[in-house]
């Protein structure tokens, strides 16, 4: 259980760092279709928020209004960034409320792609959510590089050092 709390905090930290870097990208580059799965930096970041809302809603048993994986939630960067911060805080709080029994319990949900119901353990949903975030943040990392912007280091070890959780003194992040 404490690993999920750590990953929820890391997820918010990584998103904050990534969004800070993205804030320096010219709007044309931010919106340009660069051939990534969701095309642009904007659409990829939007997709991450969509999927986090989808999974957390399923865990909580509420409909968060997600109807498609490429649903547009916010057209402007500042609104998307605020929503991302709110979602990251929501995820940290949600994980903090989950007991070991709840983590091992199944969640039944309706598929968004295809038909029918699925059943997945809560802890497996969280593994999926965190892995999904890392996957698409990596895509944004590449898109930043293509735009001529140096992406931030997003490895867990830097989070642990920066937050004092590594057990060693903090040092400047390596590139």
Protein backbone atom coordinates (compact mmCIF):
# COMPACT_ATOMS: atom_id res chain seq x y z
CA UNK A 1 0.00 0.00 0.00
CA UNK A 2 2.79 2.46 0.80
CA UNK A 3 4.19 1.92 -2.71
CA UNK A 4 0.97 3.26 -4.20
CA UNK A 5 1.12 6.33 -1.96
CA UNK A 6 4.71 6.88 -3.08
CA UNK A 7 3.78 6.44 -6.74
CA UNK A 8 0.84 8.83 -6.43
CA UNK A 9 3.17 11.49 -5.00
CA UNK A 10 5.79 10.76 -7.66
CA UNK A 11 3.15 11.01 -10.37
CA UNK A 12 2.16 14.51 -9.24
CA UNK A 13 5.81 15.57 -8.98
CA UNK A 14 6.59 14.29 -12.48
CA UNK A 15 3.52 15.97 -13.93
CA UNK A 16 4.41 19.29 -12.28
CA UNK A 17 7.93 19.14 -13.73
CA UNK A 18 6.68 18.18 -17.16
CA UNK A 19 3.98 20.87 -17.26
CA UNK A 20 6.50 23.50 -16.12
CA UNK A 21 8.69 22.62 -19.09
CA UNK A 22 5.75 22.44 -21.48
CA UNK A 23 4.70 25.94 -20.38
CA UNK A 24 7.79 27.26 -22.22
CA UNK A 25 6.87 25.62 -25.54
CA UNK A 26 5.42 27.96 -28.19
CA UNK A 27 1.71 27.29 -28.72
CA UNK A 28 2.23 26.20 -32.33
CA UNK A 29 4.69 23.51 -31.21
CA UNK A 30 2.45 22.56 -28.29
CA UNK A 31 -0.45 21.87 -30.67
CA UNK A 32 1.47 20.57 -33.70
CA UNK A 33 0.71 16.98 -34.72
CA UNK A 34 4.10 15.31 -34.50
CA UNK A 35 2.92 11.78 -35.25
CA UNK A 36 2.69 10.59 -31.64
CA UNK A 37 -0.23 8.31 -30.81
CA UNK A 38 -2.37 11.29 -29.80
CA UNK A 39 -0.57 13.66 -32.17
CA UNK A 40 0.47 16.70 -30.18
CA UNK A 41 1.78 17.52 -26.74
CA UNK A 42 -1.61 19.04 -25.89
CA UNK A 43 -3.62 16.03 -26.99
CA UNK A 44 -1.26 13.62 -25.20
CA UNK A 45 -1.50 15.55 -21.92
CA UNK A 46 -5.26 15.76 -22.35
CA UNK A 47 -5.43 11.99 -22.89
CA UNK A 48 -3.54 11.38 -19.65
CA UNK A 49 -6.06 13.45 -17.72
CA UNK A 50 -8.97 11.68 -19.43
CA UNK A 51 -7.64 8.23 -18.52
CA UNK A 52 -6.83 9.20 -14.93
CA UNK A 53 -10.39 10.46 -14.51
CA UNK A 54 -11.72 7.27 -16.05
CA UNK A 55 -9.73 4.95 -13.75
CA UNK A 56 -10.22 6.94 -10.55
CA UNK A 57 -13.93 7.19 -11.27
CA UNK A 58 -14.08 3.43 -11.67
CA UNK A 59 -12.29 2.91 -8.35
CA UNK A 60 -14.63 5.37 -6.63
CA UNK A 61 -17.71 3.99 -8.36
CA UNK A 62 -18.65 7.31 -9.95
CA UNK A 63 -19.13 8.47 -13.52
CA UNK A 64 -16.61 11.24 -14.21
CA UNK A 65 -18.01 12.00 -17.65
CA UNK A 66 -15.39 10.24 -19.78
CA UNK A 67 -16.89 8.97 -23.02
CA UNK A 68 -13.81 8.44 -25.22
CA UNK A 69 -10.06 8.15 -24.76
CA UNK A 70 -9.42 11.21 -26.93
CA UNK A 71 -12.19 13.32 -25.40
CA UNK A 72 -11.15 16.97 -25.27
CA UNK A 73 -11.41 18.25 -21.72
CA UNK A 74 -9.67 21.62 -21.98
CA UNK A 75 -8.55 23.55 -25.03
CA UNK A 76 -6.15 25.90 -23.25
CA UNK A 77 -2.94 24.94 -21.48
CA UNK A 78 -3.59 26.84 -18.24
CA UNK A 79 -6.96 25.13 -17.66
CA UNK A 80 -5.46 21.73 -18.46
CA UNK A 81 -2.58 22.39 -16.06
CA UNK A 82 -4.94 23.40 -13.22
CA UNK A 83 -7.06 20.31 -13.83
CA UNK A 84 -3.93 18.12 -13.87
CA UNK A 85 -2.85 19.47 -10.47
CA UNK A 86 -6.34 18.90 -9.07
CA UNK A 87 -6.40 15.36 -10.44
CA UNK A 88 -2.98 14.57 -9.01
CA UNK A 89 -4.10 15.81 -5.57
CA UNK A 90 -7.29 13.75 -5.91
CA UNK A 91 -5.24 10.65 -6.74
CA UNK A 92 -2.95 11.11 -3.72
CA UNK A 93 -6.03 11.45 -1.48
CA UNK A 94 -7.75 8.45 -3.06
CA UNK A 95 -4.73 6.19 -2.63
CA UNK A 96 -4.41 7.36 0.97
CA UNK A 97 -7.95 6.15 1.70
CA UNK A 98 -7.52 2.64 0.27
CA UNK A 99 -7.14 -0.18 2.77
CA UNK A 100 -5.22 -3.35 1.92
CA UNK A 101 -8.57 -5.13 1.58
CA UNK A 102 -9.88 -2.49 -0.83
CA UNK A 103 -6.70 -2.67 -2.89
CA UNK A 104 -7.20 -6.41 -3.34
CA UNK A 105 -10.90 -6.10 -4.15
CA UNK A 106 -12.27 -6.16 -7.69
CA UNK A 107 -13.76 -3.21 -9.54
CA UNK A 108 -16.43 -4.00 -12.12
CA UNK A 109 -16.71 -1.47 -14.92
CA UNK A 110 -18.02 -1.02 -18.43
CA UNK A 111 -15.38 -0.95 -21.14
CA UNK A 112 -14.91 2.30 -23.03
CA UNK A 113 -13.56 0.44 -26.08
CA UNK A 114 -15.54 -2.58 -27.13
CA UNK A 115 -18.46 -3.94 -25.21
CA UNK A 116 -19.24 -5.64 -21.98
CA UNK A 117 -18.15 -5.51 -18.39
CA UNK A 118 -14.66 -6.05 -17.02
CA UNK A 119 -13.45 -6.89 -13.54
CA UNK A 120 -10.00 -5.80 -12.33
CA UNK A 121 -8.48 -5.58 -8.86
CA UNK A 122 -8.05 -2.05 -7.52
CA UNK A 123 -4.30 -2.47 -7.07
CA UNK A 124 -3.99 -3.65 -10.68
CA UNK A 125 -5.92 -0.59 -11.84
CA UNK A 126 -3.46 1.62 -9.97
CA UNK A 127 -0.51 -0.22 -11.53
CA UNK A 128 -2.11 0.38 -14.92
CA UNK A 129 -2.72 4.06 -14.18
CA UNK A 130 0.85 4.75 -13.05
CA UNK A 131 2.38 2.79 -15.91
CA UNK A 132 0.12 4.59 -18.40
CA UNK A 133 1.24 7.97 -17.05
CA UNK A 134 4.90 7.02 -17.40
CA UNK A 135 4.37 5.73 -20.94
CA UNK A 136 2.72 8.90 -22.24
CA UNK A 137 4.99 11.26 -20.28
CA UNK A 138 7.80 9.55 -22.21
CA UNK A 139 6.04 10.44 -25.46
CA UNK A 140 5.75 14.07 -24.35
CA UNK A 141 9.45 13.95 -23.45
CA UNK A 142 10.25 13.05 -27.08
CA UNK A 143 7.89 15.71 -28.44
CA UNK A 144 9.60 18.33 -26.29
CA UNK A 145 12.98 17.27 -27.66
CA UNK A 146 11.61 17.52 -31.20
CA UNK A 147 10.44 21.06 -30.39
CA UNK A 148 13.95 22.04 -29.29
CA UNK A 149 13.11 22.11 -25.58
CA UNK A 150 15.20 20.15 -23.08
CA UNK A 151 12.82 17.90 -21.14
CA UNK A 152 13.21 17.54 -17.39
CA UNK A 153 14.57 14.37 -15.81
CA UNK A 154 11.59 12.41 -14.55
CA UNK A 155 13.13 9.33 -12.98
CA UNK A 156 11.79 8.17 -9.63
CA UNK A 157 15.27 8.40 -8.12
CA UNK A 158 15.31 12.18 -8.70
CA UNK A 159 11.91 12.48 -7.01
CA UNK A 160 13.20 10.49 -4.03
CA UNK A 161 16.32 12.64 -3.76
CA UNK A 162 14.49 15.95 -4.22
CA UNK A 163 11.84 15.09 -1.61
CA UNK A 164 14.30 13.64 0.87
CA UNK A 165 12.81 10.16 0.62
CA UNK A 166 15.95 8.48 -0.76
CA UNK A 167 17.75 8.32 2.53
CA UNK A 168 20.66 10.28 1.01
CA UNK A 169 21.29 14.04 0.83
CA UNK A 170 19.68 15.85 -2.11
CA UNK A 171 21.96 16.72 -5.02
CA UNK A 172 21.34 18.58 -8.29
CA UNK A 173 19.43 16.53 -10.88
CA UNK A 174 21.57 15.01 -13.63
CA UNK A 175 20.55 15.40 -17.25
